[in-house]
Amino acid sequence: MRSNNRSQLEIDCAVAAVTGDDVRVIRSRGFSLIDLEFDDFDPEPDWLPPQTVDWDELELSRNTPVVYQPVVLTRRVA
């Protein structure tokens, strides 16, 4: 891993200079340097389920009878 020669204060000041925010605001947000080559880093992990729609399942849930008809066992006719 590459050595990091910057102090946290230098990082906060650099970010504050670019964003125009106060250094205290930047410090509270917790900026830091990482090496993407060695760290498996996802800045905004997505914990939500996939945003998909199963249209067939949705249509089945909408397919309700207007009048309920009980299931009747069929009789065998010889």
Protein backbone atom coordinates (compact mmCIF):
# COMPACT_ATOMS: atom_id res chain seq x y z
CA MET A 1 0.00 0.00 0.00
CA ARG A 2 1.27 3.46 -0.78
CA SER A 3 2.35 5.57 2.16
CA ASN A 4 0.15 8.53 2.87
CA ASN A 5 2.18 11.64 3.72
CA ARG A 6 -0.80 13.93 4.20
CA SER A 7 -2.22 14.60 7.64
CA GLN A 8 -5.95 14.51 8.22
CA LEU A 9 -5.93 18.30 8.70
CA GLU A 10 -4.31 18.77 5.27
CA ILE A 11 -6.94 16.54 3.69
CA ASP A 12 -9.76 18.42 5.40
CA CYS A 13 -8.30 21.80 4.36
CA ALA A 14 -7.88 20.66 0.74
CA VAL A 15 -11.46 19.41 0.54
CA ALA A 16 -12.74 22.59 2.22
CA ALA A 17 -10.84 24.72 -0.29
CA VAL A 18 -12.40 22.87 -3.22
CA THR A 19 -15.96 22.71 -1.87
CA GLY A 20 -16.04 26.11 -0.19
CA ASP A 21 -17.28 24.56 3.06
CA ASP A 22 -15.87 25.28 6.49
CA VAL A 23 -13.11 22.92 7.65
CA ARG A 24 -15.25 21.92 10.66
CA VAL A 25 -18.05 20.81 8.33
CA ILE A 26 -15.61 18.76 6.24
CA ARG A 27 -14.08 17.21 9.36
CA SER A 28 -17.54 16.17 10.57
CA ARG A 29 -18.17 14.39 7.25
CA GLY A 30 -15.10 12.18 7.67
CA PHE A 31 -13.15 12.53 4.42
CA SER A 32 -10.09 10.31 4.07
CA LEU A 33 -7.73 8.98 1.42
CA ILE A 34 -7.87 5.36 0.32
CA ASP A 35 -6.03 3.32 -2.26
CA LEU A 36 -8.64 1.74 -4.53
CA GLU A 37 -6.09 -0.78 -5.75
CA PHE A 38 -6.00 -2.45 -2.34
CA ASP A 39 -9.29 -1.55 -0.72
CA ASP A 40 -12.63 -2.92 -1.86
CA PHE A 41 -14.40 0.37 -1.31
CA ASP A 42 -17.94 1.28 -2.22
CA PRO A 43 -18.71 4.86 -1.15
CA GLU A 44 -22.46 4.33 -1.28
CA PRO A 45 -23.37 0.67 -0.84
CA ASP A 46 -26.79 -0.19 -2.19
CA TRP A 47 -28.69 -2.25 0.38
CA LEU A 48 -31.99 -1.94 -1.46
CA PRO A 49 -33.45 -4.92 -3.30
CA PRO A 50 -33.27 -4.77 -7.09
CA GLN A 51 -35.80 -2.31 -8.46
CA THR A 52 -37.62 -4.65 -10.83
CA VAL A 53 -41.24 -5.56 -11.46
CA ASP A 54 -42.45 -9.05 -12.28
CA TRP A 55 -45.34 -8.01 -14.50
CA ASP A 56 -46.87 -11.50 -14.57
CA GLU A 57 -46.99 -11.69 -10.77
CA LEU A 58 -48.42 -8.19 -10.57
CA GLU A 59 -51.12 -9.02 -13.12
CA LEU A 60 -52.06 -12.17 -11.18
CA SER A 61 -52.50 -10.13 -8.01
CA ARG A 62 -54.82 -7.78 -9.90
CA ASN A 63 -56.83 -10.64 -11.40
CA THR A 64 -59.57 -10.90 -8.79
CA PRO A 65 -63.16 -11.86 -9.54
CA VAL A 66 -65.93 -9.30 -9.20
CA VAL A 67 -68.15 -11.92 -7.54
CA TYR A 68 -66.59 -14.65 -5.43
CA GLN A 69 -67.40 -18.15 -6.71
CA PRO A 70 -66.44 -21.03 -4.44
CA VAL A 71 -64.53 -23.87 -5.97
CA VAL A 72 -66.91 -26.79 -6.63
CA LEU A 73 -65.63 -30.29 -6.99
CA THR A 74 -66.51 -31.61 -10.42
CA ARG A 75 -68.61 -34.74 -10.67
CA ARG A 76 -67.73 -37.50 -13.00
CA VAL A 77 -70.43 -38.35 -15.45
CA ALA A 78 -70.32 -41.84 -16.83
